[in-house]
Amino acid sequence: SIEKYKELIDDTGLMNEVTTADWNEQTIASWRHSVWVGVYDPRGFIFKPNKYLKCVRDGYCLERMHRAFDRGLMQYGMFAVTKKE
């Protein structure tokens, strides 16, 4: 989890205070949006038959990632920290 990584960074003693943020809410829509971009503009898919399997696999993986973020199984976070002088 984001908090566990924060604790690991803090425990090193090499860094100043760590700031974290959970960005799940801000990024959740982008997972499905990236699939729909390909649906709305399928030129890259239609004109490259050798990429059909890759496109289907990527769409499947992005949907699975969306569900994992939505259910709390995955987190998308941010860390901001500076090294101690």
C-alpha atoms as a PDB file:
ATOM      1  CA  SER A   1       0.000   0.000   0.000  1.00  0.00           C
ATOM      2  CA  ILE A   2       0.980   3.615  -0.377  1.00  0.00           C
ATOM      3  CA  GLU A   3       1.247   4.048   3.387  1.00  0.00           C
ATOM      4  CA  LYS A   4       3.554   1.028   3.729  1.00  0.00           C
ATOM      5  CA  TYR A   5       5.916   2.450   1.107  1.00  0.00           C
ATOM      6  CA  LYS A   6       5.834   5.773   2.958  1.00  0.00           C
ATOM      7  CA  GLU A   7       6.876   3.956   6.146  1.00  0.00           C
ATOM      8  CA  LEU A   8       9.715   2.194   4.305  1.00  0.00           C
ATOM      9  CA  ILE A   9      11.042   5.517   3.005  1.00  0.00           C
ATOM     10  CA  ASP A  10      10.704   7.110   6.444  1.00  0.00           C
ATOM     11  CA  ASP A  11      12.533   4.193   8.092  1.00  0.00           C
ATOM     12  CA  THR A  12      15.646   4.716   5.953  1.00  0.00           C
ATOM     13  CA  GLY A  13      16.349   8.006   7.715  1.00  0.00           C
ATOM     14  CA  LEU A  14      17.820   9.382   4.490  1.00  0.00           C
ATOM     15  CA  MET A  15      14.862  11.498   3.416  1.00  0.00           C
ATOM     16  CA  ASN A  16      12.911  14.494   4.654  1.00  0.00           C
ATOM     17  CA  GLU A  17       9.188  14.163   5.302  1.00  0.00           C
ATOM     18  CA  VAL A  18       7.359  12.078   2.691  1.00  0.00           C
ATOM     19  CA  THR A  19       4.144  13.390   1.181  1.00  0.00           C
ATOM     20  CA  THR A  20       1.790  10.863  -0.405  1.00  0.00           C
ATOM     21  CA  ALA A  21      -1.469  11.005  -2.301  1.00  0.00           C
ATOM     22  CA  ASP A  22      -3.884   8.364  -3.536  1.00  0.00           C
ATOM     23  CA  TRP A  23      -4.797   9.184  -7.140  1.00  0.00           C
ATOM     24  CA  ASN A  24      -7.269   6.360  -7.779  1.00  0.00           C
ATOM     25  CA  GLU A  25     -10.264   8.684  -8.071  1.00  0.00           C
ATOM     26  CA  GLN A  26      -8.455  11.044 -10.454  1.00  0.00           C
ATOM     27  CA  THR A  27      -7.205   8.263 -12.764  1.00  0.00           C
ATOM     28  CA  ILE A  28      -9.982   5.644 -12.670  1.00  0.00           C
ATOM     29  CA  ALA A  29     -11.757   6.996 -15.765  1.00  0.00           C
ATOM     30  CA  SER A  30      -8.585   6.954 -17.869  1.00  0.00           C
ATOM     31  CA  TRP A  31      -8.358   3.134 -17.933  1.00  0.00           C
ATOM     32  CA  ARG A  32     -11.624   2.651 -19.803  1.00  0.00           C
ATOM     33  CA  HIS A  33     -11.150   5.861 -21.769  1.00  0.00           C
ATOM     34  CA  SER A  34      -7.955   4.514 -23.329  1.00  0.00           C
ATOM     35  CA  VAL A  35      -9.884   1.465 -24.594  1.00  0.00           C
ATOM     36  CA  TRP A  36     -12.681   3.615 -26.020  1.00  0.00           C
ATOM     37  CA  VAL A  37     -10.187   5.828 -27.862  1.00  0.00           C
ATOM     38  CA  GLY A  38      -9.323   2.787 -29.952  1.00  0.00           C
ATOM     39  CA  VAL A  39     -12.997   1.964 -30.498  1.00  0.00           C
ATOM     40  CA  TYR A  40     -13.871   5.475 -31.677  1.00  0.00           C
ATOM     41  CA  ASP A  41     -10.838   5.734 -33.961  1.00  0.00           C
ATOM     42  CA  PRO A  42     -10.077   2.172 -35.138  1.00  0.00           C
ATOM     43  CA  ARG A  43      -7.735   3.108 -38.008  1.00  0.00           C
ATOM     44  CA  GLY A  44      -4.698   1.708 -36.225  1.00  0.00           C
ATOM     45  CA  PHE A  45      -6.591  -1.517 -35.611  1.00  0.00           C
ATOM     46  CA  ILE A  46      -8.210  -1.931 -39.040  1.00  0.00           C
ATOM     47  CA  PHE A  47      -5.147  -1.229 -41.167  1.00  0.00           C
ATOM     48  CA  LYS A  48      -2.760  -3.421 -39.160  1.00  0.00           C
ATOM     49  CA  PRO A  49      -4.133  -6.987 -39.085  1.00  0.00           C
ATOM     50  CA  ASN A  50      -0.976  -8.254 -37.376  1.00  0.00           C
ATOM     51  CA  LYS A  51      -1.907  -6.072 -34.356  1.00  0.00           C
ATOM     52  CA  TYR A  52      -5.419  -7.548 -33.820  1.00  0.00           C
ATOM     53  CA  LEU A  53      -4.397  -9.906 -31.023  1.00  0.00           C
ATOM     54  CA  LYS A  54      -2.323  -7.197 -29.311  1.00  0.00           C
ATOM     55  CA  CYS A  55      -5.244  -4.743 -29.364  1.00  0.00           C
ATOM     56  CA  VAL A  56      -7.662  -7.290 -27.903  1.00  0.00           C
ATOM     57  CA  ARG A  57      -5.128  -8.289 -25.227  1.00  0.00           C
ATOM     58  CA  ASP A  58      -4.440  -4.652 -24.303  1.00  0.00           C
ATOM     59  CA  GLY A  59      -8.148  -3.856 -24.078  1.00  0.00           C
ATOM     60  CA  TYR A  60      -8.711  -6.871 -21.836  1.00  0.00           C
ATOM     61  CA  CYS A  61      -5.783  -5.934 -19.559  1.00  0.00           C
ATOM     62  CA  LEU A  62      -6.883  -2.299 -19.268  1.00  0.00           C
ATOM     63  CA  GLU A  63     -10.398  -3.391 -18.290  1.00  0.00           C
ATOM     64  CA  ARG A  64      -8.974  -5.746 -15.658  1.00  0.00           C
ATOM     65  CA  MET A  65      -6.815  -2.922 -14.296  1.00  0.00           C
ATOM     66  CA  HIS A  66      -9.845  -0.624 -14.131  1.00  0.00           C
ATOM     67  CA  ARG A  67     -11.735  -3.226 -12.098  1.00  0.00           C
ATOM     68  CA  ALA A  68      -8.781  -3.791  -9.775  1.00  0.00           C
ATOM     69  CA  PHE A  69      -8.445  -0.057  -9.081  1.00  0.00           C
ATOM     70  CA  ASP A  70     -12.209   0.260  -8.624  1.00  0.00           C
ATOM     71  CA  ARG A  71     -12.286  -2.587  -6.070  1.00  0.00           C
ATOM     72  CA  GLY A  72      -9.231  -1.348  -4.176  1.00  0.00           C
ATOM     73  CA  LEU A  73      -6.984  -4.248  -5.209  1.00  0.00           C
ATOM     74  CA  MET A  74      -4.548  -1.828  -6.866  1.00  0.00           C
ATOM     75  CA  GLN A  75      -3.604   1.725  -5.984  1.00  0.00           C
ATOM     76  CA  TYR A  76      -2.290   4.578  -8.054  1.00  0.00           C
ATOM     77  CA  GLY A  77      -0.287   6.843  -5.825  1.00  0.00           C
ATOM     78  CA  MET A  78       2.215   9.656  -5.704  1.00  0.00           C
ATOM     79  CA  PHE A  79       5.239  10.199  -3.489  1.00  0.00           C
ATOM     80  CA  ALA A  80       7.030  13.497  -3.029  1.00  0.00           C
ATOM     81  CA  VAL A  81      10.211  13.577  -0.960  1.00  0.00           C
ATOM     82  CA  THR A  82      13.614  15.236  -0.911  1.00  0.00           C
ATOM     83  CA  LYS A  83      16.923  13.902   0.307  1.00  0.00           C
ATOM     84  CA  LYS A  84      18.310  15.190   3.578  1.00  0.00           C
ATOM     85  CA  GLU A  85      21.307  17.477   3.161  1.00  0.00           C
END
